[in-house]
Structures are given as structure tokens and as C-alpha cells.
Amino acid sequence: MIDWGDFEKVDIRCGTVIEVNDFPKAKKPAWQLIIDFGDLGIKKSSAQITVHYSKEDLIGKQVLAVVNFPPKQIANFFSECLVLGLSDENGDIVLVGADQKVPNGSRMH
């Protein structure tokens, strides 16, 4: 069990995907996402979501991400946030997000 203070340390924010690039050096198929988090700025993330989402599907889509992890190097790319998703019955990732538009940078609580 964690306490409320532990949960408050995890900074989950909503952002809008503004750019999607191929990531040929990733070990598993992935996209490089560029996400606008409003006042927090622009952050990059690698996401293994190619099964359910095309590049065109992702542009303008709001996603939830943990934004207070240290950057993680994946091949030649530095991922600055962790986009959140759930595994479907085949183990492929389905994104978690708001069901209505919210301001970029909105914090989950």
C-alpha cells in the first residue's frame, strides 16, 4: 500500500500530440511523440502504440503522461515523459486519456 503523499509525487498531466515521427532504431515498433503540455512546455516520448494508432490518428490527440520521470535514453532518442496506456487482450497498448478536451498541462487528481 502507498499513502497519499506517495501518490502526489507522481505528476500525471494531459498534453496534445503535435508531432509523430518514425522510430526505426527502437527494438519494438514505436512512434516518437512530441507532446504539448501547455505551461510545462513540449516533451518527447517513445510509445509502442503502432498497432492501434497511425501517425495521423495521433496528431491532435490528448494523452495522459507521467511528466516527472528523469529522461530515459532509448536508442538515439531521449524520452522525457511516460505516456500512459493499458494492454488489450493481445498485449497491445491502448492509450489512456480524457473523454473531453481539457487544457494542456492539466494535472490528474
PDB file of N, CA and C in Angstrom:
ATOM      1  N   MET A   1       0.842  -1.181   0.000  1.00  0.00           N
ATOM      2  CA  MET A   1       0.000   0.000   0.000  1.00  0.00           C
ATOM      3  C   MET A   1       0.894   1.254   0.000  1.00  0.00           C
ATOM      4  N   ILE A   2       0.431   2.266  -0.688  1.00  0.00           N
ATOM      5  CA  ILE A   2       1.111   3.565  -0.653  1.00  0.00           C
ATOM      6  C   ILE A   2       0.224   4.546   0.088  1.00  0.00           C
ATOM      7  N   ASP A   3       0.817   5.638   0.548  1.00  0.00           N
ATOM      8  CA  ASP A   3      -0.019   6.655   1.175  1.00  0.00           C
ATOM      9  C   ASP A   3      -0.250   7.789   0.184  1.00  0.00           C
ATOM     10  N   TRP A   4      -1.092   8.729   0.573  1.00  0.00           N
ATOM     11  CA  TRP A   4      -1.477   9.820  -0.326  1.00  0.00           C
ATOM     12  C   TRP A   4      -0.252  10.613  -0.774  1.00  0.00           C
ATOM     13  N   GLY A   5       0.710  10.792   0.120  1.00  0.00           N
ATOM     14  CA  GLY A   5       1.931  11.527  -0.234  1.00  0.00           C
ATOM     15  C   GLY A   5       2.700  10.867  -1.369  1.00  0.00           C
ATOM     16  N   ASP A   6       2.722   9.521  -1.374  1.00  0.00           N
ATOM     17  CA  ASP A   6       3.380   8.797  -2.470  1.00  0.00           C
ATOM     18  C   ASP A   6       2.677   9.081  -3.788  1.00  0.00           C
ATOM     19  N   PHE A   7       1.342   9.025  -3.770  1.00  0.00           N
ATOM     20  CA  PHE A   7       0.570   9.279  -4.996  1.00  0.00           C
ATOM     21  C   PHE A   7       0.804  10.697  -5.506  1.00  0.00           C
ATOM     22  N   GLU A   8       0.875  11.656  -4.595  1.00  0.00           N
ATOM     23  CA  GLU A   8       1.057  13.050  -5.005  1.00  0.00           C
ATOM     24  C   GLU A   8       2.408  13.303  -5.670  1.00  0.00           C
ATOM     25  N   LYS A   9       3.368  12.419  -5.459  1.00  0.00           N
ATOM     26  CA  LYS A   9       4.682  12.567  -6.095  1.00  0.00           C
ATOM     27  C   LYS A   9       4.629  12.284  -7.594  1.00  0.00           C
ATOM     28  N   VAL A  10       3.654  11.507  -8.038  1.00  0.00           N
ATOM     29  CA  VAL A  10       3.519  11.161  -9.450  1.00  0.00           C
ATOM     30  C   VAL A  10       2.755  12.291 -10.139  1.00  0.00           C
ATOM     31  N   ASP A  11       3.432  12.979 -11.053  1.00  0.00           N
ATOM     32  CA  ASP A  11       2.841  14.124 -11.751  1.00  0.00           C
ATOM     33  C   ASP A  11       2.313  13.659 -13.110  1.00  0.00           C
ATOM     34  N   ILE A  12       1.001  13.429 -13.185  1.00  0.00           N
ATOM     35  CA  ILE A  12       0.357  12.973 -14.419  1.00  0.00           C
ATOM     36  C   ILE A  12      -0.367  14.160 -15.026  1.00  0.00           C
ATOM     37  N   ARG A  13      -0.014  14.470 -16.263  1.00  0.00           N
ATOM     38  CA  ARG A  13      -0.582  15.637 -16.958  1.00  0.00           C
ATOM     39  C   ARG A  13      -1.168  15.229 -18.304  1.00  0.00           C
ATOM     40  N   CYS A  14      -2.066  16.085 -18.780  1.00  0.00           N
ATOM     41  CA  CYS A  14      -2.649  15.900 -20.105  1.00  0.00           C
ATOM     42  C   CYS A  14      -1.913  16.799 -21.093  1.00  0.00           C
ATOM     43  N   GLY A  15      -1.622  16.250 -22.254  1.00  0.00           N
ATOM     44  CA  GLY A  15      -0.974  17.019 -23.305  1.00  0.00           C
ATOM     45  C   GLY A  15      -1.513  16.625 -24.664  1.00  0.00           C
ATOM     46  N   THR A  16      -1.258  17.450 -25.650  1.00  0.00           N
ATOM     47  CA  THR A  16      -1.719  17.206 -27.014  1.00  0.00           C
ATOM     48  C   THR A  16      -0.533  16.829 -27.899  1.00  0.00           C
ATOM     49  N   VAL A  17      -0.672  15.738 -28.611  1.00  0.00           N
ATOM     50  CA  VAL A  17       0.361  15.296 -29.545  1.00  0.00           C
ATOM     51  C   VAL A  17       0.397  16.276 -30.711  1.00  0.00           C
ATOM     52  N   ILE A  18       1.569  16.869 -30.949  1.00  0.00           N
ATOM     53  CA  ILE A  18       1.694  17.847 -32.032  1.00  0.00           C
ATOM     54  C   ILE A  18       2.560  17.343 -33.184  1.00  0.00           C
ATOM     55  N   GLU A  19       3.310  16.275 -32.936  1.00  0.00           N
ATOM     56  CA  GLU A  19       4.161  15.708 -33.991  1.00  0.00           C
ATOM     57  C   GLU A  19       4.404  14.240 -33.692  1.00  0.00           C
ATOM     58  N   VAL A  20       4.455  13.433 -34.749  1.00  0.00           N
ATOM     59  CA  VAL A  20       4.733  11.992 -34.614  1.00  0.00           C
ATOM     60  C   VAL A  20       5.770  11.620 -35.667  1.00  0.00           C
ATOM     61  N   ASN A  21       6.825  10.933 -35.218  1.00  0.00           N
ATOM     62  CA  ASN A  21       7.886  10.526 -36.133  1.00  0.00           C
ATOM     63  C   ASN A  21       8.126   9.029 -36.033  1.00  0.00           C
ATOM     64  N   ASP A  22       8.615   8.463 -37.126  1.00  0.00           N
ATOM     65  CA  ASP A  22       9.022   7.059 -37.124  1.00  0.00           C
ATOM     66  C   ASP A  22      10.190   6.886 -36.154  1.00  0.00           C
ATOM     67  N   PHE A  23      10.339   5.663 -35.645  1.00  0.00           N
ATOM     68  CA  PHE A  23      11.442   5.361 -34.733  1.00  0.00           C
ATOM     69  C   PHE A  23      12.062   4.031 -35.154  1.00  0.00           C
ATOM     70  N   PRO A  24      12.794   4.040 -36.272  1.00  0.00           N
ATOM     71  CA  PRO A  24      13.336   2.788 -36.809  1.00  0.00           C
ATOM     72  C   PRO A  24      14.380   2.117 -35.908  1.00  0.00           C
ATOM     73  N   LYS A  25      15.026   2.852 -35.004  1.00  0.00           N
ATOM     74  CA  LYS A  25      16.045   2.257 -34.138  1.00  0.00           C
ATOM     75  C   LYS A  25      15.467   1.610 -32.880  1.00  0.00           C
ATOM     76  N   ALA A  26      14.163   1.740 -32.645  1.00  0.00           N
ATOM     77  CA  ALA A  26      13.535   1.110 -31.475  1.00  0.00           C
ATOM     78  C   ALA A  26      13.550  -0.412 -31.650  1.00  0.00           C
ATOM     79  N   LYS A  27      13.744  -1.137 -30.541  1.00  0.00           N
ATOM     80  CA  LYS A  27      13.764  -2.605 -30.606  1.00  0.00           C
ATOM     81  C   LYS A  27      12.391  -3.166 -30.961  1.00  0.00           C
ATOM     82  N   LYS A  28      11.327  -2.550 -30.436  1.00  0.00           N
ATOM     83  CA  LYS A  28       9.952  -2.925 -30.758  1.00  0.00           C
ATOM     84  C   LYS A  28       9.330  -1.746 -31.493  1.00  0.00           C
ATOM     85  N   PRO A  29       8.379  -1.993 -32.402  1.00  0.00           N
ATOM     86  CA  PRO A  29       7.777  -0.882 -33.159  1.00  0.00           C
ATOM     87  C   PRO A  29       7.239   0.208 -32.226  1.00  0.00           C
ATOM     88  N   ALA A  30       7.622   1.446 -32.513  1.00  0.00           N
ATOM     89  CA  ALA A  30       7.225   2.573 -31.674  1.00  0.00           C
ATOM     90  C   ALA A  30       7.194   3.859 -32.500  1.00  0.00           C
ATOM     91  N   TRP A  31       6.482   4.835 -31.972  1.00  0.00           N
ATOM     92  CA  TRP A  31       6.482   6.180 -32.529  1.00  0.00           C
ATOM     93  C   TRP A  31       7.259   7.089 -31.584  1.00  0.00           C
ATOM     94  N   GLN A  32       7.863   8.125 -32.143  1.00  0.00           N
ATOM     95  CA  GLN A  32       8.414   9.219 -31.346  1.00  0.00           C
ATOM     96  C   GLN A  32       7.336  10.297 -31.316  1.00  0.00           C
ATOM     97  N   LEU A  33       6.854  10.625 -30.126  1.00  0.00           N
ATOM     98  CA  LEU A  33       5.794  11.618 -29.971  1.00  0.00           C
ATOM     99  C   LEU A  33       6.379  12.919 -29.444  1.00  0.00           C
ATOM    100  N   ILE A  34       5.891  14.028 -29.980  1.00  0.00           N
ATOM    101  CA  ILE A  34       6.202  15.359 -29.465  1.00  0.00           C
ATOM    102  C   ILE A  34       4.870  15.877 -28.917  1.00  0.00           C
ATOM    103  N   ILE A  35       4.860  16.200 -27.602  1.00  0.00           N
ATOM    104  CA  ILE A  35       3.610  16.484 -26.897  1.00  0.00           C
ATOM    105  C   ILE A  35       3.672  17.863 -26.251  1.00  0.00           C
ATOM    106  N   ASP A  36       2.614  18.644 -26.450  1.00  0.00           N
ATOM    107  CA  ASP A  36       2.498  19.983 -25.865  1.00  0.00           C
ATOM    108  C   ASP A  36       1.782  19.877 -24.516  1.00  0.00           C
ATOM    109  N   PHE A  37       2.504  20.210 -23.441  1.00  0.00           N
ATOM    110  CA  PHE A  37       1.934  20.188 -22.100  1.00  0.00           C
ATOM    111  C   PHE A  37       1.671  21.606 -21.579  1.00  0.00           C
ATOM    112  N   GLY A  38       1.348  22.535 -22.451  1.00  0.00           N
ATOM    113  CA  GLY A  38       0.997  23.892 -22.036  1.00  0.00           C
ATOM    114  C   GLY A  38       2.163  24.575 -21.345  1.00  0.00           C
ATOM    115  N   ASP A  39       1.926  25.086 -20.118  1.00  0.00           N
ATOM    116  CA  ASP A  39       2.949  25.821 -19.370  1.00  0.00           C
ATOM    117  C   ASP A  39       4.172  24.970 -19.038  1.00  0.00           C
ATOM    118  N   LEU A  40       4.030  23.625 -19.038  1.00  0.00           N
ATOM    119  CA  LEU A  40       5.178  22.742 -18.776  1.00  0.00           C
ATOM    120  C   LEU A  40       6.083  22.622 -19.997  1.00  0.00           C
ATOM    121  N   GLY A  41       5.593  23.059 -21.144  1.00  0.00           N
ATOM    122  CA  GLY A  41       6.382  23.021 -22.366  1.00  0.00           C
ATOM    123  C   GLY A  41       6.151  21.780 -23.212  1.00  0.00           C
ATOM    124  N   ILE A  42       7.051  21.578 -24.141  1.00  0.00           N
ATOM    125  CA  ILE A  42       6.999  20.471 -25.091  1.00  0.00           C
ATOM    126  C   ILE A  42       7.892  19.353 -24.572  1.00  0.00           C
ATOM    127  N   LYS A  43       7.373  18.128 -24.583  1.00  0.00           N
ATOM    128  CA  LYS A  43       8.159  16.971 -24.150  1.00  0.00           C
ATOM    129  C   LYS A  43       8.067  15.883 -25.217  1.00  0.00           C
ATOM    130  N   LYS A  44       9.115  15.044 -25.249  1.00  0.00           N
ATOM    131  CA  LYS A  44       9.187  13.935 -26.199  1.00  0.00           C
ATOM    132  C   LYS A  44       8.946  12.617 -25.473  1.00  0.00           C
ATOM    133  N   SER A  45       8.378  11.661 -26.193  1.00  0.00           N
ATOM    134  CA  SER A  45       8.175  10.333 -25.620  1.00  0.00           C
ATOM    135  C   SER A  45       8.231   9.293 -26.731  1.00  0.00           C
ATOM    136  N   SER A  46       8.765   8.132 -26.385  1.00  0.00           N
ATOM    137  CA  SER A  46       8.708   6.974 -27.273  1.00  0.00           C
ATOM    138  C   SER A  46       7.530   6.128 -26.805  1.00  0.00           C
ATOM    139  N   ALA A  47       6.682   5.720 -27.736  1.00  0.00           N
ATOM    140  CA  ALA A  47       5.493   4.959 -27.350  1.00  0.00           C
ATOM    141  C   ALA A  47       5.276   3.789 -28.304  1.00  0.00           C
ATOM    142  N   GLN A  48       5.145   2.591 -27.732  1.00  0.00           N
ATOM    143  CA  GLN A  48       4.905   1.372 -28.509  1.00  0.00           C
ATOM    144  C   GLN A  48       3.400   1.215 -28.742  1.00  0.00           C
ATOM    145  N   ILE A  49       2.862   2.091 -29.589  1.00  0.00           N
ATOM    146  CA  ILE A  49       1.421   2.140 -29.825  1.00  0.00           C
ATOM    147  C   ILE A  49       1.077   2.035 -31.308  1.00  0.00           C
ATOM    148  N   THR A  50       1.989   1.450 -32.083  1.00  0.00           N
ATOM    149  CA  THR A  50       1.813   1.423 -33.539  1.00  0.00           C
ATOM    150  C   THR A  50       0.699   0.485 -34.001  1.00  0.00           C
ATOM    151  N   VAL A  51       0.297  -0.476 -33.171  1.00  0.00           N
ATOM    152  CA  VAL A  51      -0.753  -1.416 -33.580  1.00  0.00           C
ATOM    153  C   VAL A  51      -2.105  -0.702 -33.711  1.00  0.00           C
ATOM    154  N   HIS A  52      -2.436   0.119 -32.722  1.00  0.00           N
ATOM    155  CA  HIS A  52      -3.758   0.754 -32.699  1.00  0.00           C
ATOM    156  C   HIS A  52      -3.795   2.176 -33.242  1.00  0.00           C
ATOM    157  N   TYR A  53      -2.633   2.821 -33.419  1.00  0.00           N
ATOM    158  CA  TYR A  53      -2.622   4.243 -33.772  1.00  0.00           C
ATOM    159  C   TYR A  53      -1.657   4.531 -34.917  1.00  0.00           C
ATOM    160  N   SER A  54      -2.181   5.175 -35.962  1.00  0.00           N
ATOM    161  CA  SER A  54      -1.321   5.663 -37.042  1.00  0.00           C
ATOM    162  C   SER A  54      -0.803   7.042 -36.651  1.00  0.00           C
ATOM    163  N   LYS A  55       0.182   7.518 -37.372  1.00  0.00           N
ATOM    164  CA  LYS A  55       0.698   8.864 -37.105  1.00  0.00           C
ATOM    165  C   LYS A  55      -0.433   9.891 -37.248  1.00  0.00           C
ATOM    166  N   GLU A  56      -1.263   9.710 -38.256  1.00  0.00           N
ATOM    167  CA  GLU A  56      -2.349  10.660 -38.500  1.00  0.00           C
ATOM    168  C   GLU A  56      -3.385  10.629 -37.368  1.00  0.00           C
ATOM    169  N   ASP A  57      -3.651   9.445 -36.807  1.00  0.00           N
ATOM    170  CA  ASP A  57      -4.593   9.320 -35.682  1.00  0.00           C
ATOM    171  C   ASP A  57      -4.118  10.106 -34.462  1.00  0.00           C
ATOM    172  N   LEU A  58      -2.818  10.182 -34.283  1.00  0.00           N
ATOM    173  CA  LEU A  58      -2.254  10.737 -33.056  1.00  0.00           C
ATOM    174  C   LEU A  58      -2.146  12.258 -33.052  1.00  0.00           C
ATOM    175  N   ILE A  59      -2.005  12.863 -34.221  1.00  0.00           N
ATOM    176  CA  ILE A  59      -1.870  14.322 -34.276  1.00  0.00           C
ATOM    177  C   ILE A  59      -3.148  14.963 -33.721  1.00  0.00           C
ATOM    178  N   GLY A  60      -2.986  15.811 -32.723  1.00  0.00           N
ATOM    179  CA  GLY A  60      -4.122  16.489 -32.102  1.00  0.00           C
ATOM    180  C   GLY A  60      -4.782  15.702 -30.973  1.00  0.00           C
ATOM    181  N   LYS A  61      -4.346  14.462 -30.753  1.00  0.00           N
ATOM    182  CA  LYS A  61      -4.932  13.628 -29.706  1.00  0.00           C
ATOM    183  C   LYS A  61      -4.366  14.022 -28.348  1.00  0.00           C
ATOM    184  N   GLN A  62      -5.241  14.117 -27.352  1.00  0.00           N
ATOM    185  CA  GLN A  62      -4.785  14.364 -25.997  1.00  0.00           C
ATOM    186  C   GLN A  62      -4.457  13.041 -25.321  1.00  0.00           C
ATOM    187  N   VAL A  63      -3.337  13.035 -24.594  1.00  0.00           N
ATOM    188  CA  VAL A  63      -2.867  11.833 -23.900  1.00  0.00           C
ATOM    189  C   VAL A  63      -2.512  12.207 -22.463  1.00  0.00           C
ATOM    190  N   LEU A  64      -2.492  11.196 -21.602  1.00  0.00           N
ATOM    191  CA  LEU A  64      -2.015  11.380 -20.235  1.00  0.00           C
ATOM    192  C   LEU A  64      -0.603  10.833 -20.146  1.00  0.00           C
ATOM    193  N   ALA A  65       0.245  11.519 -19.383  1.00  0.00           N
ATOM    194  CA  ALA A  65       1.634  11.084 -19.250  1.00  0.00           C
ATOM    195  C   ALA A  65       2.186  11.472 -17.884  1.00  0.00           C
ATOM    196  N   VAL A  66       3.091  10.634 -17.385  1.00  0.00           N
ATOM    197  CA  VAL A  66       3.866  10.988 -16.194  1.00  0.00           C
ATOM    198  C   VAL A  66       4.984  11.897 -16.687  1.00  0.00           C
ATOM    199  N   VAL A  67       5.043  13.109 -16.134  1.00  0.00           N
ATOM    200  CA  VAL A  67       5.993  14.102 -16.649  1.00  0.00           C
ATOM    201  C   VAL A  67       7.166  14.370 -15.718  1.00  0.00           C
ATOM    202  N   ASN A  68       7.237  13.682 -14.571  1.00  0.00           N
ATOM    203  CA  ASN A  68       8.335  13.967 -13.646  1.00  0.00           C
ATOM    204  C   ASN A  68       9.303  12.797 -13.465  1.00  0.00           C
ATOM    205  N   PHE A  69       9.425  11.956 -14.492  1.00  0.00           N
ATOM    206  CA  PHE A  69      10.499  10.975 -14.534  1.00  0.00           C
ATOM    207  C   PHE A  69      11.740  11.638 -15.138  1.00  0.00           C
ATOM    208  N   PRO A  70      12.937  11.170 -14.795  1.00  0.00           N
ATOM    209  CA  PRO A  70      14.118  11.689 -15.497  1.00  0.00           C
ATOM    210  C   PRO A  70      14.100  11.183 -16.945  1.00  0.00           C
ATOM    211  N   PRO A  71      14.732  11.912 -17.870  1.00  0.00           N
ATOM    212  CA  PRO A  71      14.785  11.440 -19.259  1.00  0.00           C
ATOM    213  C   PRO A  71      15.399  10.044 -19.350  1.00  0.00           C
ATOM    214  N   LYS A  72      14.877   9.243 -20.274  1.00  0.00           N
ATOM    215  CA  LYS A  72      15.377   7.880 -20.481  1.00  0.00           C
ATOM    216  C   LYS A  72      15.830   7.756 -21.934  1.00  0.00           C
ATOM    217  N   GLN A  73      17.071   7.304 -22.117  1.00  0.00           N
ATOM    218  CA  GLN A  73      17.579   7.132 -23.476  1.00  0.00           C
ATOM    219  C   GLN A  73      17.105   5.804 -24.039  1.00  0.00           C
ATOM    220  N   ILE A  74      16.492   5.876 -25.214  1.00  0.00           N
ATOM    221  CA  ILE A  74      16.045   4.700 -25.943  1.00  0.00           C
ATOM    222  C   ILE A  74      16.681   4.811 -27.323  1.00  0.00           C
ATOM    223  N   ALA A  75      17.670   3.960 -27.596  1.00  0.00           N
ATOM    224  CA  ALA A  75      18.488   4.062 -28.815  1.00  0.00           C
ATOM    225  C   ALA A  75      19.089   5.472 -28.846  1.00  0.00           C
ATOM    226  N   ASN A  76      18.821   6.235 -29.904  1.00  0.00           N
ATOM    227  CA  ASN A  76      19.384   7.577 -30.051  1.00  0.00           C
ATOM    228  C   ASN A  76      18.398   8.677 -29.650  1.00  0.00           C
ATOM    229  N   PHE A  77      17.367   8.328 -28.893  1.00  0.00           N
ATOM    230  CA  PHE A  77      16.261   9.228 -28.568  1.00  0.00           C
ATOM    231  C   PHE A  77      16.134   9.337 -27.046  1.00  0.00           C
ATOM    232  N   PHE A  78      15.872  10.546 -26.538  1.00  0.00           N
ATOM    233  CA  PHE A  78      15.639  10.743 -25.111  1.00  0.00           C
ATOM    234  C   PHE A  78      14.148  10.960 -24.861  1.00  0.00           C
ATOM    235  N   SER A  79      13.530   9.999 -24.174  1.00  0.00           N
ATOM    236  CA  SER A  79      12.122  10.089 -23.806  1.00  0.00           C
ATOM    237  C   SER A  79      12.023  10.877 -22.505  1.00  0.00           C
ATOM    238  N   GLU A  80      11.200  11.935 -22.505  1.00  0.00           N
ATOM    239  CA  GLU A  80      11.112  12.854 -21.368  1.00  0.00           C
ATOM    240  C   GLU A  80       9.858  12.671 -20.528  1.00  0.00           C
ATOM    241  N   CYS A  81       8.958  11.803 -20.961  1.00  0.00           N
ATOM    242  CA  CYS A  81       7.743  11.528 -20.206  1.00  0.00           C
ATOM    243  C   CYS A  81       7.254  10.130 -20.578  1.00  0.00           C
ATOM    244  N   LEU A  82       6.383   9.579 -19.731  1.00  0.00           N
ATOM    245  CA  LEU A  82       5.834   8.244 -19.961  1.00  0.00           C
ATOM    246  C   LEU A  82       4.355   8.364 -20.297  1.00  0.00           C
ATOM    247  N   VAL A  83       4.012   8.130 -21.559  1.00  0.00           N
ATOM    248  CA  VAL A  83       2.622   8.160 -21.989  1.00  0.00           C
ATOM    249  C   VAL A  83       1.927   6.920 -21.425  1.00  0.00           C
ATOM    250  N   LEU A  84       0.728   7.112 -20.885  1.00  0.00           N
ATOM    251  CA  LEU A  84       0.030   6.038 -20.195  1.00  0.00           C
ATOM    252  C   LEU A  84      -0.940   5.288 -21.100  1.00  0.00           C
ATOM    253  N   GLY A  85      -0.987   3.975 -20.914  1.00  0.00           N
ATOM    254  CA  GLY A  85      -1.894   3.140 -21.682  1.00  0.00           C
ATOM    255  C   GLY A  85      -2.171   1.845 -20.944  1.00  0.00           C
ATOM    256  N   LEU A  86      -3.065   1.074 -21.500  1.00  0.00           N
ATOM    257  CA  LEU A  86      -3.456  -0.223 -20.961  1.00  0.00           C
ATOM    258  C   LEU A  86      -3.263  -1.273 -22.040  1.00  0.00           C
ATOM    259  N   SER A  87      -2.970  -2.500 -21.639  1.00  0.00           N
ATOM    260  CA  SER A  87      -2.824  -3.594 -22.599  1.00  0.00           C
ATOM    261  C   SER A  87      -4.191  -4.149 -22.965  1.00  0.00           C
ATOM    262  N   ASP A  88      -4.407  -4.359 -24.268  1.00  0.00           N
ATOM    263  CA  ASP A  88      -5.621  -5.038 -24.690  1.00  0.00           C
ATOM    264  C   ASP A  88      -5.427  -6.551 -24.544  1.00  0.00           C
ATOM    265  N   GLU A  89      -6.374  -7.343 -25.028  1.00  0.00           N
ATOM    266  CA  GLU A  89      -6.303  -8.796 -24.860  1.00  0.00           C
ATOM    267  C   GLU A  89      -5.104  -9.430 -25.566  1.00  0.00           C
ATOM    268  N   ASN A  90      -4.494  -8.718 -26.520  1.00  0.00           N
ATOM    269  CA  ASN A  90      -3.315  -9.215 -27.229  1.00  0.00           C
ATOM    270  C   ASN A  90      -2.009  -8.637 -26.695  1.00  0.00           C
ATOM    271  N   GLY A  91      -2.105  -7.782 -25.681  1.00  0.00           N
ATOM    272  CA  GLY A  91      -0.914  -7.160 -25.128  1.00  0.00           C
ATOM    273  C   GLY A  91      -0.516  -5.870 -25.824  1.00  0.00           C
ATOM    274  N   ASP A  92      -1.326  -5.411 -26.777  1.00  0.00           N
ATOM    275  CA  ASP A  92      -1.044  -4.157 -27.474  1.00  0.00           C
ATOM    276  C   ASP A  92      -1.609  -2.987 -26.671  1.00  0.00           C
ATOM    277  N   ILE A  93      -0.942  -1.855 -26.730  1.00  0.00           N
ATOM    278  CA  ILE A  93      -1.275  -0.722 -25.874  1.00  0.00           C
ATOM    279  C   ILE A  93      -2.400   0.134 -26.457  1.00  0.00           C
ATOM    280  N   VAL A  94      -3.356   0.444 -25.567  1.00  0.00           N
ATOM    281  CA  VAL A  94      -4.456   1.372 -25.840  1.00  0.00           C
ATOM    282  C   VAL A  94      -4.233   2.577 -24.934  1.00  0.00           C
ATOM    283  N   LEU A  95      -4.219   3.759 -25.511  1.00  0.00           N
ATOM    284  CA  LEU A  95      -3.930   4.973 -24.745  1.00  0.00           C
ATOM    285  C   LEU A  95      -5.019   5.302 -23.736  1.00  0.00           C
ATOM    286  N   VAL A  96      -4.599   5.931 -22.632  1.00  0.00           N
ATOM    287  CA  VAL A  96      -5.499   6.456 -21.622  1.00  0.00           C
ATOM    288  C   VAL A  96      -5.566   7.963 -21.830  1.00  0.00           C
ATOM    289  N   GLY A  97      -6.770   8.529 -21.776  1.00  0.00           N
ATOM    290  CA  GLY A  97      -6.887   9.972 -21.961  1.00  0.00           C
ATOM    291  C   GLY A  97      -8.198  10.499 -21.428  1.00  0.00           C
ATOM    292  N   ALA A  98      -8.368  11.802 -21.540  1.00  0.00           N
ATOM    293  CA  ALA A  98      -9.602  12.456 -21.118  1.00  0.00           C
ATOM    294  C   ALA A  98     -10.690  12.214 -22.162  1.00  0.00           C
ATOM    295  N   ASP A  99     -11.933  12.036 -21.717  1.00  0.00           N
ATOM    296  CA  ASP A  99     -13.012  11.825 -22.680  1.00  0.00           C
ATOM    297  C   ASP A  99     -13.584  13.143 -23.207  1.00  0.00           C
ATOM    298  N   GLN A 100     -13.108  14.274 -22.657  1.00  0.00           N
ATOM    299  CA  GLN A 100     -13.440  15.594 -23.168  1.00  0.00           C
ATOM    300  C   GLN A 100     -12.159  16.413 -23.193  1.00  0.00           C
ATOM    301  N   LYS A 101     -12.114  17.420 -24.063  1.00  0.00           N
ATOM    302  CA  LYS A 101     -10.915  18.247 -24.187  1.00  0.00           C
ATOM    303  C   LYS A 101     -10.688  19.034 -22.899  1.00  0.00           C
ATOM    304  N   VAL A 102      -9.433  19.039 -22.454  1.00  0.00           N
ATOM    305  CA  VAL A 102      -9.023  19.803 -21.273  1.00  0.00           C
ATOM    306  C   VAL A 102      -7.788  20.622 -21.653  1.00  0.00           C
ATOM    307  N   PRO A 103      -7.466  21.650 -20.876  1.00  0.00           N
ATOM    308  CA  PRO A 103      -6.274  22.444 -21.197  1.00  0.00           C
ATOM    309  C   PRO A 103      -4.998  21.602 -21.106  1.00  0.00           C
ATOM    310  N   ASN A 104      -4.083  21.830 -22.049  1.00  0.00           N
ATOM    311  CA  ASN A 104      -2.787  21.154 -21.978  1.00  0.00           C
ATOM    312  C   ASN A 104      -2.101  21.514 -20.669  1.00  0.00           C
ATOM    313  N   GLY A 105      -1.510  20.507 -20.048  1.00  0.00           N
ATOM    314  CA  GLY A 105      -0.843  20.694 -18.773  1.00  0.00           C
ATOM    315  C   GLY A 105      -1.742  20.416 -17.578  1.00  0.00           C
ATOM    316  N   SER A 106      -3.040  20.138 -17.816  1.00  0.00           N
ATOM    317  CA  SER A 106      -3.935  19.830 -16.699  1.00  0.00           C
ATOM    318  C   SER A 106      -3.412  18.642 -15.939  1.00  0.00           C
ATOM    319  N   ARG A 107      -3.416  18.763 -14.602  1.00  0.00           N
ATOM    320  CA  ARG A 107      -2.894  17.697 -13.750  1.00  0.00           C
ATOM    321  C   ARG A 107      -4.022  16.754 -13.339  1.00  0.00           C
ATOM    322  N   MET A 108      -3.717  15.451 -13.375  1.00  0.00           N
ATOM    323  CA  MET A 108      -4.677  14.464 -12.917  1.00  0.00           C
ATOM    324  C   MET A 108      -4.730  14.507 -11.404  1.00  0.00           C
ATOM    325  N   HIS A 109      -5.944  14.477 -10.861  1.00  0.00           N
ATOM    326  CA  HIS A 109      -6.131  14.387  -9.423  1.00  0.00           C
ATOM    327  C   HIS A 109      -7.398  13.675  -9.094  1.00  0.00           C
TER     328      HIS A 109
END
